[in-house]
N, C-alpha and C. Protein backbone atom coordinates (compact mmCIF):
# COMPACT_ATOMS: atom_id res chain seq x y z
N MET A 1 79.07 53.26 71.90
CA MET A 1 78.18 54.05 73.24
C MET A 1 79.17 53.87 74.46
N LYS A 2 79.64 53.20 74.92
CA LYS A 2 80.36 53.22 75.68
C LYS A 2 81.63 54.02 75.52
N LYS A 3 82.02 54.81 74.29
CA LYS A 3 83.41 55.57 74.02
C LYS A 3 82.53 57.03 74.56
N PHE A 4 81.60 57.62 74.01
CA PHE A 4 80.53 58.38 74.58
C PHE A 4 80.64 58.73 75.70
N VAL A 5 80.21 57.51 76.85
CA VAL A 5 79.83 57.84 78.40
C VAL A 5 81.35 58.08 78.53
N LEU A 6 82.66 57.38 78.24
CA LEU A 6 83.46 57.44 78.83
C LEU A 6 84.11 59.20 78.58
N THR A 7 84.21 59.49 77.32
CA THR A 7 84.26 60.76 76.94
C THR A 7 83.52 61.61 77.63
N ALA A 8 82.53 61.88 77.84
CA ALA A 8 81.32 62.34 78.82
C ALA A 8 82.20 62.86 80.05
N VAL A 9 82.14 61.09 80.81
CA VAL A 9 82.79 61.13 82.29
C VAL A 9 84.12 61.86 82.11
N ILE A 10 84.85 61.88 81.62
CA ILE A 10 86.34 62.51 81.69
C ILE A 10 85.89 63.74 81.14
N PHE A 11 85.36 64.12 80.17
CA PHE A 11 85.33 65.70 80.28
C PHE A 11 84.26 66.21 80.93
N PHE A 12 83.23 65.30 82.44
CA PHE A 12 82.76 65.87 83.05
C PHE A 12 83.61 66.18 83.87
N LEU A 13 84.70 65.06 84.57
CA LEU A 13 85.81 65.13 85.59
C LEU A 13 86.69 66.42 85.51
N VAL A 14 86.61 66.73 84.13
CA VAL A 14 88.08 67.88 83.82
C VAL A 14 87.71 69.37 84.03
N LEU A 15 86.01 69.12 83.66
CA LEU A 15 85.30 70.52 83.96
C LEU A 15 85.08 70.76 85.48
N SER A 16 84.79 69.85 85.98
CA SER A 16 84.38 69.43 87.61
C SER A 16 85.80 70.20 88.26
N THR A 17 86.93 69.77 87.63
CA THR A 17 88.49 69.80 88.52
C THR A 17 88.76 71.04 88.28
N ALA A 18 88.51 71.99 87.13
CA ALA A 18 88.79 73.20 86.35
C ALA A 18 87.59 74.34 87.14
N ILE A 19 86.61 74.17 87.47
CA ILE A 19 85.79 74.70 88.45
C ILE A 19 86.05 74.42 90.10
N ILE A 20 86.52 73.74 90.34
CA ILE A 20 87.11 73.01 91.89
C ILE A 20 88.47 74.09 92.06
N LYS A 21 89.09 74.39 90.49
CA LYS A 21 90.51 74.73 90.98
C LYS A 21 90.09 76.28 90.96
N ASN A 22 90.01 76.89 90.31
CA ASN A 22 88.73 78.11 90.12
C ASN A 22 88.95 78.62 91.16
N THR A 23 88.03 78.00 91.80
CA THR A 23 86.86 78.75 93.06
C THR A 23 88.13 78.48 94.29
N THR A 24 88.92 77.45 94.50
CA THR A 24 89.97 77.27 95.43
C THR A 24 90.58 78.08 95.47
N LYS A 25 91.63 78.83 94.33
CA LYS A 25 92.06 79.70 93.91
C LYS A 25 91.68 80.91 94.53
N GLU A 26 90.45 81.50 94.01
CA GLU A 26 89.53 82.31 94.54
C GLU A 26 89.58 82.75 95.85
N ILE A 27 89.58 82.06 96.70
CA ILE A 27 89.56 81.72 98.19
C ILE A 27 91.16 81.99 98.67
N GLU A 28 91.73 81.30 98.16
CA GLU A 28 93.00 81.67 98.73
C GLU A 28 93.43 83.00 98.21
N ASP A 29 93.48 83.24 97.19
CA ASP A 29 93.03 84.99 97.22
C ASP A 29 93.06 86.12 98.69
N GLU A 30 91.96 85.33 98.88
CA GLU A 30 91.06 86.20 99.54
C GLU A 30 91.84 85.71 100.66
N ILE A 31 91.99 84.50 101.20
CA ILE A 31 92.63 84.55 102.43
C ILE A 31 93.87 85.20 102.61
N PHE A 32 94.44 85.32 101.68
CA PHE A 32 96.14 86.40 101.30
C PHE A 32 95.78 87.42 101.60
N THR A 33 94.80 88.22 100.88
CA THR A 33 94.14 89.47 101.13
C THR A 33 94.08 89.81 102.81
N ILE A 34 93.01 88.78 102.97
CA ILE A 34 92.66 89.15 104.81
C ILE A 34 93.96 89.01 105.83
N ASN A 35 94.82 88.17 105.40
CA ASN A 35 95.71 88.21 106.22
C ASN A 35 96.83 89.01 106.32
N GLU A 36 96.68 89.89 104.95
CA GLU A 36 98.10 90.52 104.89
C GLU A 36 97.56 91.88 105.44
N ASN A 37 95.94 92.08 105.67
CA ASN A 37 95.32 93.12 106.11
C ASN A 37 95.23 92.83 107.62
N LEU A 38 95.38 91.93 107.99
CA LEU A 38 95.83 91.44 109.22
C LEU A 38 97.19 92.04 109.92
N ARG A 39 97.89 91.70 108.85
CA ARG A 39 99.32 91.89 109.10
C ARG A 39 99.00 93.30 109.74
N VAL A 40 98.69 94.58 108.65
CA VAL A 40 98.77 96.01 108.58
C VAL A 40 97.97 96.07 109.96
N LEU A 41 97.37 95.29 110.53
CA LEU A 41 96.61 95.68 111.04
C LEU A 41 97.06 96.14 112.70
N LYS A 42 97.54 94.69 112.57
CA LYS A 42 98.82 94.00 114.27
C LYS A 42 99.59 94.97 114.12
N SER A 43 100.30 95.26 113.33
CA SER A 43 101.77 96.32 113.61
C SER A 43 101.05 97.90 113.78
N GLU A 44 100.01 98.13 113.12
CA GLU A 44 99.47 99.13 113.37
C GLU A 44 99.02 99.53 115.22
N PHE A 45 98.57 98.42 115.41
CA PHE A 45 97.69 98.29 117.02
C PHE A 45 99.13 97.91 117.86
N GLU A 46 100.39 97.19 117.27
CA GLU A 46 101.19 97.33 118.55
C GLU A 46 102.06 98.64 117.95
N ASN A 47 102.05 99.27 117.07
CA ASN A 47 102.71 100.45 117.49
C ASN A 47 101.52 101.74 118.38
N VAL A 48 100.61 101.48 118.26
CA VAL A 48 99.51 102.57 118.95
C VAL A 48 99.90 102.21 120.14
N SER A 49 99.48 100.78 120.50
CA SER A 49 99.84 100.33 121.91
C SER A 49 100.87 100.55 122.33
N LEU A 50 102.22 100.70 121.77
CA LEU A 50 103.66 101.04 122.53
C LEU A 50 103.50 102.58 122.77
N GLU A 51 102.72 103.09 122.16
CA GLU A 51 102.95 104.52 121.89
C GLU A 51 101.58 104.73 123.11
N TYR A 52 100.82 104.45 123.36
CA TYR A 52 99.75 104.56 124.76
C TYR A 52 100.59 104.51 126.27
N ASP A 53 101.20 103.06 125.94
CA ASP A 53 101.54 102.37 127.18
C ASP A 53 102.75 103.56 127.79
N TYR A 54 103.51 103.96 126.93
CA TYR A 54 105.02 104.94 127.26
C TYR A 54 104.78 105.79 127.33
N LEU A 55 103.64 106.67 126.83
CA LEU A 55 103.51 108.28 126.57
C LEU A 55 101.86 108.42 127.51
N SER A 56 101.72 107.95 128.07
CA SER A 56 99.97 107.99 128.48
C SER A 56 100.40 108.19 129.80
N SER A 57 100.81 107.23 130.71
CA SER A 57 101.20 107.36 132.29
C SER A 57 101.79 108.49 132.57
N ALA A 58 101.19 109.04 133.42
CA ALA A 58 101.59 110.31 134.32
C ALA A 58 103.10 110.35 134.38
N GLU A 59 103.32 109.19 135.10
CA GLU A 59 104.66 108.84 135.65
C GLU A 59 105.89 109.44 134.18
N ARG A 60 105.04 108.63 133.58
CA ARG A 60 106.44 108.30 132.28
C ARG A 60 106.40 109.84 131.89
N LEU A 61 105.52 110.61 131.42
CA LEU A 61 105.70 111.78 131.30
C LEU A 61 106.07 112.94 132.36
N LEU A 62 106.20 112.81 133.62
CA LEU A 62 107.08 113.77 134.40
C LEU A 62 108.55 113.25 133.80
N GLU A 63 108.98 112.01 133.85
CA GLU A 63 110.34 111.09 133.82
C GLU A 63 110.87 111.61 132.58
N TYR A 64 110.23 111.92 131.36
CA TYR A 64 110.26 112.92 130.25
C TYR A 64 110.56 114.36 130.39
N GLN A 65 109.61 114.78 130.80
CA GLN A 65 109.49 116.39 131.35
C GLN A 65 111.47 116.61 132.06
N SER A 66 111.74 115.75 132.95
CA SER A 66 112.42 115.90 133.44
C SER A 66 114.38 115.56 132.76
N GLN A 67 113.76 114.65 131.90
CA GLN A 67 115.27 114.16 131.22
C GLN A 67 115.16 114.83 130.02
N TYR A 68 114.05 116.00 129.46
CA TYR A 68 114.80 116.30 128.66
C TYR A 68 114.85 117.42 128.41
N PHE A 69 113.44 118.23 129.26
CA PHE A 69 112.90 119.68 129.46
C PHE A 69 113.38 120.15 130.43
N GLU A 70 113.49 119.70 131.67
CA GLU A 70 114.16 120.17 132.97
C GLU A 70 113.17 121.34 133.71
N ASN A 71 114.12 122.41 133.58
CA ASN A 71 113.34 123.59 133.66
C ASN A 71 112.75 124.58 132.99
N GLU A 72 112.68 124.36 131.66
CA GLU A 72 111.89 124.67 130.73
C GLU A 72 110.16 124.34 130.50
N LEU A 73 109.95 123.83 131.31
CA LEU A 73 108.50 123.39 131.56
C LEU A 73 107.71 124.37 132.98
N ILE A 74 106.92 124.78 132.67
CA ILE A 74 106.80 125.68 133.80
C ILE A 74 105.16 124.96 134.14
N GLN A 75 104.60 124.60 135.28
CA GLN A 75 103.02 124.28 135.79
C GLN A 75 102.11 125.43 135.55
N LYS A 76 101.04 125.66 134.75
CA LYS A 76 100.21 126.75 135.43
C LYS A 76 98.84 126.49 135.37
N SER A 77 98.26 127.45 136.06
CA SER A 77 97.15 127.35 136.27
C SER A 77 95.63 127.14 135.25
N ILE A 78 94.76 126.40 135.51
CA ILE A 78 94.04 126.33 135.03
C ILE A 78 92.69 127.84 134.31
N ASN A 79 93.29 128.25 135.43
CA ASN A 79 92.29 129.93 135.34
C ASN A 79 93.29 130.69 134.25
N ASP A 80 94.38 130.76 133.82
CA ASP A 80 95.42 131.34 132.86
C ASP A 80 95.62 130.62 131.74
N ILE A 81 94.91 129.38 131.29
CA ILE A 81 94.16 129.28 129.92
C ILE A 81 93.30 130.14 129.25
N LYS A 82 93.58 130.52 128.20
CA LYS A 82 92.72 131.15 127.60
C LYS A 82 92.03 130.92 125.88
N ILE A 83 91.11 131.17 125.82
CA ILE A 83 90.91 130.62 124.29
C ILE A 83 90.50 131.67 123.01
N TYR A 84 91.36 131.52 122.28
CA TYR A 84 91.23 132.51 121.16
C TYR A 84 90.99 131.96 120.20
N ASN A 85 89.63 133.08 119.85
CA ASN A 85 88.51 132.33 119.05
C ASN A 85 89.12 133.15 117.40
N ILE A 86 88.89 132.67 116.20
CA ILE A 86 88.76 133.66 115.10
C ILE A 86 87.54 132.92 114.50
N SER A 87 86.95 134.05 114.30
CA SER A 87 85.40 133.68 113.11
C SER A 87 84.98 135.11 112.58
N ASP A 88 84.61 134.74 111.36
CA ASP A 88 84.07 135.99 110.54
C ASP A 88 84.92 137.18 110.78
N ASP A 89 86.33 137.18 110.82
CA ASP A 89 87.23 138.01 111.06
C ASP A 89 87.36 138.59 112.08
N ILE A 90 86.28 138.06 113.44
CA ILE A 90 86.22 138.45 114.59
C ILE A 90 87.41 137.67 115.12
N ASN A 91 88.27 138.61 116.01
CA ASN A 91 89.16 137.63 116.79
C ASN A 91 88.65 138.00 118.42
N LYS A 92 88.59 137.09 119.47
CA LYS A 92 88.09 137.14 120.35
C LYS A 92 89.10 136.43 121.21
N ILE A 93 89.22 136.58 122.21
CA ILE A 93 90.38 135.74 123.48
C ILE A 93 88.47 135.34 124.50
N GLN A 94 88.48 134.29 125.20
CA GLN A 94 87.72 133.87 126.18
C GLN A 94 88.54 132.75 127.24
N ASN A 95 87.79 132.76 128.36
CA ASN A 95 88.17 132.33 129.05
C ASN A 95 87.96 130.68 129.38
N PHE A 96 88.97 129.75 129.78
CA PHE A 96 88.66 128.90 129.53
C PHE A 96 87.67 127.63 130.42
N LYS A 97 86.99 127.35 129.96
CA LYS A 97 85.88 126.96 131.33
C LYS A 97 86.21 125.09 131.24
N ILE A 98 85.65 124.60 131.88
CA ILE A 98 85.50 123.16 132.35
C ILE A 98 84.16 123.07 132.23
N ILE A 99 83.65 121.82 132.10
CA ILE A 99 81.89 121.57 131.81
C ILE A 99 82.54 120.15 132.26
N LYS A 100 81.59 120.26 133.64
CA LYS A 100 81.44 117.93 133.83
C LYS A 100 80.08 117.93 133.24
N GLU A 101 80.16 116.78 132.67
CA GLU A 101 78.59 116.41 132.35
C GLU A 101 78.63 114.87 132.93
């Protein structure tokens, strides 16, 4: 009887160890996947943040204009901007309108 109880206890311990190890492995895999996704998202965020910081400021854009384009860019009036629509084989030119909501 003692051998049976000892065998049952050992079997239970081995079985519970296997279940715990398998569960832990699944959790580690999920953590690894989440960390990899975070790493990719952090890298993308850094790139977007860098692009926003350096390209969105008006001073930076004016600096790039003077540095790279010199006299090639000219300022246009908002009234000179037209919209070209192509729909149902009908080409149409409209004035640009600014609507404030």
